[in-house]
Amino acid sequence: MATTGHSIGHTSYVVSSGKSTVYVQSDVTNNPGLFARHPDWGGAFDQDPNAAVATRRKVYDMLVAEKLLVQGFHYPFPGLARVEKAGSGYRVVPASWHPTL
């Protein structure tokens, strides 16, 4: 999926296997502590801040509506989360981690 804004040609992926699906979002929100809570903020590192804001809103609204897991390279451990609507922004809820030996 085209997710321009952070960079020209920025791309994210929807990966499915059986009934499981995860959205791999790369830098749609490279600092979820700030940009998920405040999706209308632009960052100096975004090549097109207006497109980055529009992409963030579009992607995060989709993640909430479809209840998709999201993998974010800059997310806190374990790097996998769900997104919830929170006021005018979003909240990133890390997935449970259950290590097995």
PDB file of N, CA and C in Angstrom:
ATOM      1  N   MET A   1       0.842  -1.177   0.000  1.00  0.00           N
ATOM      2  CA  MET A   1       0.000   0.000   0.000  1.00  0.00           C
ATOM      3  C   MET A   1       0.889   1.242   0.000  1.00  0.00           C
ATOM      4  N   ALA A   2       0.518   2.235  -0.801  1.00  0.00           N
ATOM      5  CA  ALA A   2       1.250   3.495  -0.800  1.00  0.00           C
ATOM      6  C   ALA A   2       0.967   4.244   0.504  1.00  0.00           C
ATOM      7  N   THR A   3       2.017   4.625   1.200  1.00  0.00           N
ATOM      8  CA  THR A   3       1.888   5.386   2.451  1.00  0.00           C
ATOM      9  C   THR A   3       2.883   6.544   2.414  1.00  0.00           C
ATOM     10  N   THR A   4       2.731   7.380   1.413  1.00  0.00           N
ATOM     11  CA  THR A   4       3.663   8.480   1.205  1.00  0.00           C
ATOM     12  C   THR A   4       3.566   9.532   2.302  1.00  0.00           C
ATOM     13  N   GLY A   5       4.574  10.346   2.375  1.00  0.00           N
ATOM     14  CA  GLY A   5       4.636  11.428   3.349  1.00  0.00           C
ATOM     15  C   GLY A   5       5.958  11.420   4.072  1.00  0.00           C
ATOM     16  N   HIS A   6       6.247  10.313   4.744  1.00  0.00           N
ATOM     17  CA  HIS A   6       7.551  10.212   5.407  1.00  0.00           C
ATOM     18  C   HIS A   6       8.640  10.298   4.350  1.00  0.00           C
ATOM     19  N   SER A   7       8.433   9.559   3.275  1.00  0.00           N
ATOM     20  CA  SER A   7       9.351   9.618   2.147  1.00  0.00           C
ATOM     21  C   SER A   7       8.567   9.374   0.867  1.00  0.00           C
ATOM     22  N   ILE A   8       9.124   9.823  -0.231  1.00  0.00           N
ATOM     23  CA  ILE A   8       8.508   9.585  -1.530  1.00  0.00           C
ATOM     24  C   ILE A   8       8.589   8.090  -1.809  1.00  0.00           C
ATOM     25  N   GLY A   9       7.482   7.492  -2.165  1.00  0.00           N
ATOM     26  CA  GLY A   9       7.468   6.067  -2.451  1.00  0.00           C
ATOM     27  C   GLY A   9       7.374   5.176  -1.227  1.00  0.00           C
ATOM     28  N   HIS A  10       7.174   5.771  -0.043  1.00  0.00           N
ATOM     29  CA  HIS A  10       7.047   4.976   1.188  1.00  0.00           C
ATOM     30  C   HIS A  10       5.907   3.980   1.021  1.00  0.00           C
ATOM     31  N   THR A  11       6.156   2.746   1.411  1.00  0.00           N
ATOM     32  CA  THR A  11       5.203   1.662   1.213  1.00  0.00           C
ATOM     33  C   THR A  11       5.015   0.875   2.494  1.00  0.00           C
ATOM     34  N   SER A  12       3.785   0.426   2.725  1.00  0.00           N
ATOM     35  CA  SER A  12       3.471  -0.473   3.834  1.00  0.00           C
ATOM     36  C   SER A  12       2.829  -1.720   3.237  1.00  0.00           C
ATOM     37  N   TYR A  13       2.717  -2.766   4.050  1.00  0.00           N
ATOM     38  CA  TYR A  13       2.237  -4.046   3.545  1.00  0.00           C
ATOM     39  C   TYR A  13       1.190  -4.650   4.459  1.00  0.00           C
ATOM     40  N   VAL A  14       0.240  -5.379   3.866  1.00  0.00           N
ATOM     41  CA  VAL A  14      -0.704  -6.204   4.612  1.00  0.00           C
ATOM     42  C   VAL A  14      -0.293  -7.639   4.330  1.00  0.00           C
ATOM     43  N   VAL A  15       0.069  -8.355   5.396  1.00  0.00           N
ATOM     44  CA  VAL A  15       0.536  -9.733   5.264  1.00  0.00           C
ATOM     45  C   VAL A  15      -0.493 -10.645   5.925  1.00  0.00           C
ATOM     46  N   SER A  16      -0.943 -11.659   5.192  1.00  0.00           N
ATOM     47  CA  SER A  16      -1.953 -12.584   5.708  1.00  0.00           C
ATOM     48  C   SER A  16      -1.496 -14.018   5.559  1.00  0.00           C
ATOM     49  N   SER A  17      -1.917 -14.827   6.522  1.00  0.00           N
ATOM     50  CA  SER A  17      -1.703 -16.264   6.463  1.00  0.00           C
ATOM     51  C   SER A  17      -2.884 -16.911   7.170  1.00  0.00           C
ATOM     52  N   GLY A  18      -3.675 -17.647   6.424  1.00  0.00           N
ATOM     53  CA  GLY A  18      -4.878 -18.224   7.012  1.00  0.00           C
ATOM     54  C   GLY A  18      -5.804 -17.113   7.476  1.00  0.00           C
ATOM     55  N   LYS A  19      -6.185 -17.157   8.744  1.00  0.00           N
ATOM     56  CA  LYS A  19      -7.080 -16.138   9.306  1.00  0.00           C
ATOM     57  C   LYS A  19      -6.327 -15.008   9.988  1.00  0.00           C
ATOM     58  N   SER A  20      -5.008 -15.052   9.972  1.00  0.00           N
ATOM     59  CA  SER A  20      -4.194 -14.028  10.639  1.00  0.00           C
ATOM     60  C   SER A  20      -3.719 -12.977   9.638  1.00  0.00           C
ATOM     61  N   THR A  21      -3.801 -11.719  10.051  1.00  0.00           N
ATOM     62  CA  THR A  21      -3.368 -10.609   9.214  1.00  0.00           C
ATOM     63  C   THR A  21      -2.623  -9.596  10.069  1.00  0.00           C
ATOM     64  N   VAL A  22      -1.553  -9.035   9.521  1.00  0.00           N
ATOM     65  CA  VAL A  22      -0.801  -7.980  10.202  1.00  0.00           C
ATOM     66  C   VAL A  22      -0.483  -6.896   9.177  1.00  0.00           C
ATOM     67  N   TYR A  23      -0.546  -5.663   9.626  1.00  0.00           N
ATOM     68  CA  TYR A  23      -0.204  -4.506   8.802  1.00  0.00           C
ATOM     69  C   TYR A  23       1.225  -4.104   9.165  1.00  0.00           C
ATOM     70  N   VAL A  24       2.122  -4.119   8.202  1.00  0.00           N
ATOM     71  CA  VAL A  24       3.524  -3.763   8.417  1.00  0.00           C
ATOM     72  C   VAL A  24       3.686  -2.322   7.946  1.00  0.00           C
ATOM     73  N   GLN A  25       3.854  -1.396   8.904  1.00  0.00           N
ATOM     74  CA  GLN A  25       3.727   0.022   8.580  1.00  0.00           C
ATOM     75  C   GLN A  25       5.006   0.828   8.518  1.00  0.00           C
ATOM     76  N   SER A  26       6.129   0.263   8.774  1.00  0.00           N
ATOM     77  CA  SER A  26       7.393   0.973   8.632  1.00  0.00           C
ATOM     78  C   SER A  26       7.358   2.315   9.354  1.00  0.00           C
ATOM     79  N   ASP A  27       7.433   3.447   8.635  1.00  0.00           N
ATOM     80  CA  ASP A  27       7.525   4.763   9.277  1.00  0.00           C
ATOM     81  C   ASP A  27       6.260   5.616   9.150  1.00  0.00           C
ATOM     82  N   VAL A  28       5.096   4.997   9.069  1.00  0.00           N
ATOM     83  CA  VAL A  28       3.865   5.797   9.075  1.00  0.00           C
ATOM     84  C   VAL A  28       3.816   6.600  10.374  1.00  0.00           C
ATOM     85  N   THR A  29       4.190   5.961  11.454  1.00  0.00           N
ATOM     86  CA  THR A  29       4.324   6.617  12.757  1.00  0.00           C
ATOM     87  C   THR A  29       5.638   6.141  13.340  1.00  0.00           C
ATOM     88  N   ASN A  30       6.691   6.900  13.113  1.00  0.00           N
ATOM     89  CA  ASN A  30       7.996   6.435  13.563  1.00  0.00           C
ATOM     90  C   ASN A  30       8.233   6.687  15.041  1.00  0.00           C
ATOM     91  N   ASN A  31       7.400   7.496  15.675  1.00  0.00           N
ATOM     92  CA  ASN A  31       7.457   7.696  17.124  1.00  0.00           C
ATOM     93  C   ASN A  31       6.026   7.649  17.633  1.00  0.00           C
ATOM     94  N   PRO A  32       5.516   6.438  17.927  1.00  0.00           N
ATOM     95  CA  PRO A  32       4.109   6.317  18.287  1.00  0.00           C
ATOM     96  C   PRO A  32       3.736   7.079  19.552  1.00  0.00           C
ATOM     97  N   GLY A  33       4.686   7.276  20.456  1.00  0.00           N
ATOM     98  CA  GLY A  33       4.397   8.038  21.665  1.00  0.00           C
ATOM     99  C   GLY A  33       3.948   9.460  21.361  1.00  0.00           C
ATOM    100  N   LEU A  34       4.422  10.006  20.258  1.00  0.00           N
ATOM    101  CA  LEU A  34       4.037  11.357  19.847  1.00  0.00           C
ATOM    102  C   LEU A  34       3.007  11.356  18.733  1.00  0.00           C
ATOM    103  N   PHE A  35       3.315  10.658  17.640  1.00  0.00           N
ATOM    104  CA  PHE A  35       2.524  10.814  16.428  1.00  0.00           C
ATOM    105  C   PHE A  35       1.268   9.963  16.377  1.00  0.00           C
ATOM    106  N   ALA A  36       1.127   8.946  17.188  1.00  0.00           N
ATOM    107  CA  ALA A  36      -0.161   8.254  17.299  1.00  0.00           C
ATOM    108  C   ALA A  36      -1.101   9.121  18.144  1.00  0.00           C
ATOM    109  N   ARG A  37      -0.578   9.652  19.227  1.00  0.00           N
ATOM    110  CA  ARG A  37      -1.397  10.528  20.083  1.00  0.00           C
ATOM    111  C   ARG A  37      -1.738  11.846  19.403  1.00  0.00           C
ATOM    112  N   HIS A  38      -0.831  12.326  18.567  1.00  0.00           N
ATOM    113  CA  HIS A  38      -1.002  13.614  17.889  1.00  0.00           C
ATOM    114  C   HIS A  38      -0.773  13.431  16.386  1.00  0.00           C
ATOM    115  N   PRO A  39      -1.703  12.755  15.697  1.00  0.00           N
ATOM    116  CA  PRO A  39      -1.473  12.404  14.293  1.00  0.00           C
ATOM    117  C   PRO A  39      -1.384  13.606  13.357  1.00  0.00           C
ATOM    118  N   ASP A  40      -1.842  14.757  13.773  1.00  0.00           N
ATOM    119  CA  ASP A  40      -1.790  15.941  12.912  1.00  0.00           C
ATOM    120  C   ASP A  40      -0.470  16.698  13.020  1.00  0.00           C
ATOM    121  N   TRP A  41       0.417  16.238  13.861  1.00  0.00           N
ATOM    122  CA  TRP A  41       1.736  16.851  13.954  1.00  0.00           C
ATOM    123  C   TRP A  41       2.597  16.347  12.799  1.00  0.00           C
ATOM    124  N   GLY A  42       3.371  17.229  12.221  1.00  0.00           N
ATOM    125  CA  GLY A  42       4.323  16.833  11.185  1.00  0.00           C
ATOM    126  C   GLY A  42       5.718  16.821  11.781  1.00  0.00           C
ATOM    127  N   GLY A  43       6.557  15.989  11.257  1.00  0.00           N
ATOM    128  CA  GLY A  43       7.933  15.903  11.742  1.00  0.00           C
ATOM    129  C   GLY A  43       8.903  16.478  10.721  1.00  0.00           C
ATOM    130  N   ALA A  44      10.007  17.021  11.200  1.00  0.00           N
ATOM    131  CA  ALA A  44      11.028  17.591  10.320  1.00  0.00           C
ATOM    132  C   ALA A  44      11.599  16.531   9.378  1.00  0.00           C
ATOM    133  N   PHE A  45      11.521  15.269   9.777  1.00  0.00           N
ATOM    134  CA  PHE A  45      12.064  14.179   8.979  1.00  0.00           C
ATOM    135  C   PHE A  45      11.098  13.714   7.898  1.00  0.00           C
ATOM    136  N   ASP A  46       9.848  14.207   7.898  1.00  0.00           N
ATOM    137  CA  ASP A  46       8.880  13.850   6.858  1.00  0.00           C
ATOM    138  C   ASP A  46       9.145  14.693   5.621  1.00  0.00           C
ATOM    139  N   GLN A  47       9.332  14.049   4.490  1.00  0.00           N
ATOM    140  CA  GLN A  47       9.601  14.776   3.252  1.00  0.00           C
ATOM    141  C   GLN A  47       8.407  15.611   2.806  1.00  0.00           C
ATOM    142  N   ASP A  48       7.191  15.122   3.094  1.00  0.00           N
ATOM    143  CA  ASP A  48       5.963  15.856   2.774  1.00  0.00           C
ATOM    144  C   ASP A  48       5.065  15.784   4.010  1.00  0.00           C
ATOM    145  N   PRO A  49       5.217  16.732   4.951  1.00  0.00           N
ATOM    146  CA  PRO A  49       4.461  16.675   6.207  1.00  0.00           C
ATOM    147  C   PRO A  49       2.945  16.600   6.022  1.00  0.00           C
ATOM    148  N   ASN A  50       2.383  17.301   5.042  1.00  0.00           N
ATOM    149  CA  ASN A  50       0.933  17.245   4.831  1.00  0.00           C
ATOM    150  C   ASN A  50       0.491  15.852   4.398  1.00  0.00           C
ATOM    151  N   ALA A  51       1.243  15.227   3.511  1.00  0.00           N
ATOM    152  CA  ALA A  51       0.931  13.857   3.090  1.00  0.00           C
ATOM    153  C   ALA A  51       1.129  12.884   4.245  1.00  0.00           C
ATOM    154  N   ALA A  52       2.145  13.105   5.074  1.00  0.00           N
ATOM    155  CA  ALA A  52       2.390  12.227   6.228  1.00  0.00           C
ATOM    156  C   ALA A  52       1.208  12.254   7.186  1.00  0.00           C
ATOM    157  N   VAL A  53       0.667  13.431   7.446  1.00  0.00           N
ATOM    158  CA  VAL A  53      -0.491  13.570   8.337  1.00  0.00           C
ATOM    159  C   VAL A  53      -1.702  12.866   7.736  1.00  0.00           C
ATOM    160  N   ALA A  54      -1.972  13.089   6.461  1.00  0.00           N
ATOM    161  CA  ALA A  54      -3.113  12.447   5.801  1.00  0.00           C
ATOM    162  C   ALA A  54      -2.969  10.932   5.798  1.00  0.00           C
ATOM    163  N   THR A  55      -1.760  10.448   5.532  1.00  0.00           N
ATOM    164  CA  THR A  55      -1.507   9.009   5.531  1.00  0.00           C
ATOM    165  C   THR A  55      -1.704   8.424   6.924  1.00  0.00           C
ATOM    166  N   ARG A  56      -1.173   9.084   7.952  1.00  0.00           N
ATOM    167  CA  ARG A  56      -1.316   8.612   9.326  1.00  0.00           C
ATOM    168  C   ARG A  56      -2.785   8.459   9.687  1.00  0.00           C
ATOM    169  N   ARG A  57      -3.579   9.475   9.412  1.00  0.00           N
ATOM    170  CA  ARG A  57      -5.023   9.416   9.713  1.00  0.00           C
ATOM    171  C   ARG A  57      -5.690   8.268   8.958  1.00  0.00           C
ATOM    172  N   LYS A  58      -5.409   8.156   7.679  1.00  0.00           N
ATOM    173  CA  LYS A  58      -6.022   7.113   6.852  1.00  0.00           C
ATOM    174  C   LYS A  58      -5.657   5.721   7.366  1.00  0.00           C
ATOM    175  N   VAL A  59      -4.372   5.499   7.599  1.00  0.00           N
ATOM    176  CA  VAL A  59      -3.907   4.181   8.054  1.00  0.00           C
ATOM    177  C   VAL A  59      -4.448   3.865   9.443  1.00  0.00           C
ATOM    178  N   TYR A  60      -4.351   4.791  10.374  1.00  0.00           N
ATOM    179  CA  TYR A  60      -4.779   4.500  11.735  1.00  0.00           C
ATOM    180  C   TYR A  60      -6.288   4.348  11.848  1.00  0.00           C
ATOM    181  N   ASP A  61      -7.055   5.097  11.051  1.00  0.00           N
ATOM    182  CA  ASP A  61      -8.509   4.872  11.012  1.00  0.00           C
ATOM    183  C   ASP A  61      -8.814   3.473  10.493  1.00  0.00           C
ATOM    184  N   MET A  62      -8.071   3.013   9.481  1.00  0.00           N
ATOM    185  CA  MET A  62      -8.260   1.672   8.940  1.00  0.00           C
ATOM    186  C   MET A  62      -7.901   0.604   9.985  1.00  0.00           C
ATOM    187  N   LEU A  63      -6.767   0.796  10.680  1.00  0.00           N
ATOM    188  CA  LEU A  63      -6.357  -0.180  11.698  1.00  0.00           C
ATOM    189  C   LEU A  63      -7.402  -0.312  12.789  1.00  0.00           C
ATOM    190  N   VAL A  64      -7.986   0.812  13.201  1.00  0.00           N
ATOM    191  CA  VAL A  64      -9.031   0.794  14.235  1.00  0.00           C
ATOM    192  C   VAL A  64     -10.275   0.091  13.697  1.00  0.00           C
ATOM    193  N   ALA A  65     -10.734   0.493  12.509  1.00  0.00           N
ATOM    194  CA  ALA A  65     -11.971  -0.056  11.941  1.00  0.00           C
ATOM    195  C   ALA A  65     -11.868  -1.555  11.678  1.00  0.00           C
ATOM    196  N   GLU A  66     -10.718  -2.000  11.178  1.00  0.00           N
ATOM    197  CA  GLU A  66     -10.556  -3.408  10.823  1.00  0.00           C
ATOM    198  C   GLU A  66      -9.936  -4.238  11.944  1.00  0.00           C
ATOM    199  N   LYS A  67      -9.597  -3.583  13.055  1.00  0.00           N
ATOM    200  CA  LYS A  67      -8.996  -4.253  14.218  1.00  0.00           C
ATOM    201  C   LYS A  67      -7.770  -5.081  13.826  1.00  0.00           C
ATOM    202  N   LEU A  68      -6.925  -4.484  12.974  1.00  0.00           N
ATOM    203  CA  LEU A  68      -5.727  -5.174  12.509  1.00  0.00           C
ATOM    204  C   LEU A  68      -4.579  -5.018  13.498  1.00  0.00           C
ATOM    205  N   LEU A  69      -3.792  -6.064  13.622  1.00  0.00           N
ATOM    206  CA  LEU A  69      -2.513  -5.944  14.312  1.00  0.00           C
ATOM    207  C   LEU A  69      -1.601  -5.114  13.433  1.00  0.00           C
ATOM    208  N   VAL A  70      -0.731  -4.345  14.041  1.00  0.00           N
ATOM    209  CA  VAL A  70       0.225  -3.545  13.288  1.00  0.00           C
ATOM    210  C   VAL A  70       1.620  -3.819  13.819  1.00  0.00           C
ATOM    211  N   GLN A  71       2.561  -3.973  12.893  1.00  0.00           N
ATOM    212  CA  GLN A  71       3.964  -4.129  13.236  1.00  0.00           C
ATOM    213  C   GLN A  71       4.633  -2.819  12.888  1.00  0.00           C
ATOM    214  N   GLY A  72       5.272  -2.203  13.876  1.00  0.00           N
ATOM    215  CA  GLY A  72       5.948  -0.938  13.654  1.00  0.00           C
ATOM    216  C   GLY A  72       7.416  -1.046  14.015  1.00  0.00           C
ATOM    217  N   PHE A  73       8.286  -0.654  13.104  1.00  0.00           N
ATOM    218  CA  PHE A  73       9.726  -0.773  13.342  1.00  0.00           C
ATOM    219  C   PHE A  73      10.182   0.057  14.534  1.00  0.00           C
ATOM    220  N   HIS A  74       9.504   1.143  14.830  1.00  0.00           N
ATOM    221  CA  HIS A  74       9.894   2.011  15.941  1.00  0.00           C
ATOM    222  C   HIS A  74       8.986   1.851  17.150  1.00  0.00           C
ATOM    223  N   TYR A  75       8.160   0.827  17.157  1.00  0.00           N
ATOM    224  CA  TYR A  75       7.255   0.583  18.276  1.00  0.00           C
ATOM    225  C   TYR A  75       8.031  -0.033  19.438  1.00  0.00           C
ATOM    226  N   PRO A  76       7.531   0.154  20.658  1.00  0.00           N
ATOM    227  CA  PRO A  76       8.184  -0.501  21.793  1.00  0.00           C
ATOM    228  C   PRO A  76       8.025  -2.023  21.695  1.00  0.00           C
ATOM    229  N   PHE A  77       8.892  -2.730  22.386  1.00  0.00           N
ATOM    230  CA  PHE A  77       8.841  -4.190  22.406  1.00  0.00           C
ATOM    231  C   PHE A  77       7.421  -4.646  22.728  1.00  0.00           C
ATOM    232  N   PRO A  78       6.876  -5.590  22.016  1.00  0.00           N
ATOM    233  CA  PRO A  78       7.495  -6.493  21.049  1.00  0.00           C
ATOM    234  C   PRO A  78       7.407  -6.030  19.597  1.00  0.00           C
ATOM    235  N   GLY A  79       7.074  -4.784  19.356  1.00  0.00           N
ATOM    236  CA  GLY A  79       7.010  -4.266  17.995  1.00  0.00           C
ATOM    237  C   GLY A  79       5.716  -4.594  17.278  1.00  0.00           C
ATOM    238  N   LEU A  80       4.767  -5.145  18.008  1.00  0.00           N
ATOM    239  CA  LEU A  80       3.474  -5.544  17.464  1.00  0.00           C
ATOM    240  C   LEU A  80       2.400  -4.978  18.382  1.00  0.00           C
ATOM    241  N   ALA A  81       1.347  -4.395  17.804  1.00  0.00           N
ATOM    242  CA  ALA A  81       0.356  -3.721  18.641  1.00  0.00           C
ATOM    243  C   ALA A  81      -1.010  -3.688  17.973  1.00  0.00           C
ATOM    244  N   ARG A  82      -1.965  -3.203  18.711  1.00  0.00           N
ATOM    245  CA  ARG A  82      -3.275  -2.823  18.205  1.00  0.00           C
ATOM    246  C   ARG A  82      -3.387  -1.322  18.411  1.00  0.00           C
ATOM    247  N   VAL A  83      -4.204  -0.679  17.597  1.00  0.00           N
ATOM    248  CA  VAL A  83      -4.407   0.755  17.706  1.00  0.00           C
ATOM    249  C   VAL A  83      -5.854   1.006  18.086  1.00  0.00           C
ATOM    250  N   GLU A  84      -6.053   1.906  19.030  1.00  0.00           N
ATOM    251  CA  GLU A  84      -7.390   2.294  19.473  1.00  0.00           C
ATOM    252  C   GLU A  84      -7.562   3.787  19.285  1.00  0.00           C
ATOM    253  N   LYS A  85      -8.776   4.225  19.043  1.00  0.00           N
ATOM    254  CA  LYS A  85      -9.080   5.645  18.981  1.00  0.00           C
ATOM    255  C   LYS A  85      -8.996   6.195  20.393  1.00  0.00           C
ATOM    256  N   ALA A  86      -8.410   7.377  20.552  1.00  0.00           N
ATOM    257  CA  ALA A  86      -8.274   8.020  21.872  1.00  0.00           C
ATOM    258  C   ALA A  86      -8.386   9.532  21.671  1.00  0.00           C
ATOM    259  N   GLY A  87      -9.554  10.078  21.932  1.00  0.00           N
ATOM    260  CA  GLY A  87      -9.756  11.507  21.732  1.00  0.00           C
ATOM    261  C   GLY A  87      -9.604  11.860  20.268  1.00  0.00           C
ATOM    262  N   SER A  88      -8.783  12.857  19.966  1.00  0.00           N
ATOM    263  CA  SER A  88      -8.563  13.248  18.576  1.00  0.00           C
ATOM    264  C   SER A  88      -7.395  12.490  17.955  1.00  0.00           C
ATOM    265  N   GLY A  89      -6.819  11.559  18.701  1.00  0.00           N
ATOM    266  CA  GLY A  89      -5.692  10.768  18.213  1.00  0.00           C
ATOM    267  C   GLY A  89      -5.936   9.285  18.422  1.00  0.00           C
ATOM    268  N   TYR A  90      -4.851   8.583  18.673  1.00  0.00           N
ATOM    269  CA  TYR A  90      -4.897   7.127  18.793  1.00  0.00           C
ATOM    270  C   TYR A  90      -4.004   6.683  19.944  1.00  0.00           C
ATOM    271  N   ARG A  91      -4.235   5.473  20.408  1.00  0.00           N
ATOM    272  CA  ARG A  91      -3.408   4.869  21.449  1.00  0.00           C
ATOM    273  C   ARG A  91      -2.866   3.560  20.881  1.00  0.00           C
ATOM    274  N   VAL A  92      -1.590   3.334  21.045  1.00  0.00           N
ATOM    275  CA  VAL A  92      -0.942   2.100  20.612  1.00  0.00           C
ATOM    276  C   VAL A  92      -0.869   1.171  21.819  1.00  0.00           C
ATOM    277  N   VAL A  93      -1.481  -0.007  21.697  1.00  0.00           N
ATOM    278  CA  VAL A  93      -1.512  -0.982  22.784  1.00  0.00           C
ATOM    279  C   VAL A  93      -0.647  -2.170  22.382  1.00  0.00           C
ATOM    280  N   PRO A  94       0.547  -2.293  22.987  1.00  0.00           N
ATOM    281  CA  PRO A  94       1.452  -3.390  22.612  1.00  0.00           C
ATOM    282  C   PRO A  94       0.800  -4.761  22.794  1.00  0.00           C
ATOM    283  N   ALA A  95       1.116  -5.667  21.887  1.00  0.00           N
ATOM    284  CA  ALA A  95       0.623  -7.042  21.975  1.00  0.00           C
ATOM    285  C   ALA A  95       1.250  -7.730  23.169  1.00  0.00           C
ATOM    286  N   SER A  96       0.533  -8.707  23.692  1.00  0.00           N
ATOM    287  CA  SER A  96       1.069  -9.501  24.804  1.00  0.00           C
ATOM    288  C   SER A  96       2.271 -10.303  24.329  1.00  0.00           C
ATOM    289  N   TRP A  97       3.240 -10.481  25.206  1.00  0.00           N
ATOM    290  CA  TRP A  97       4.428 -11.245  24.883  1.00  0.00           C
ATOM    291  C   TRP A  97       4.467 -12.474  25.770  1.00  0.00           C
ATOM    292  N   HIS A  98       4.495 -13.656  25.154  1.00  0.00           N
ATOM    293  CA  HIS A  98       4.508 -14.910  25.881  1.00  0.00           C
ATOM    294  C   HIS A  98       5.663 -15.762  25.367  1.00  0.00           C
ATOM    295  N   PRO A  99       6.856 -15.571  25.909  1.00  0.00           N
ATOM    296  CA  PRO A  99       7.978 -16.387  25.424  1.00  0.00           C
ATOM    297  C   PRO A  99       7.811 -17.856  25.826  1.00  0.00           C
ATOM    298  N   THR A 100       8.251 -18.710  24.957  1.00  0.00           N
ATOM    299  CA  THR A 100       8.222 -20.141  25.267  1.00  0.00           C
ATOM    300  C   THR A 100       9.615 -20.708  25.024  1.00  0.00           C
ATOM    301  N   LEU A 101       9.936 -21.729  25.758  1.00  0.00           N
ATOM    302  CA  LEU A 101      11.237 -22.402  25.600  1.00  0.00           C
ATOM    303  C   LEU A 101      11.041 -23.737  24.953  1.00  0.00           C
TER     304      LEU A 101
END
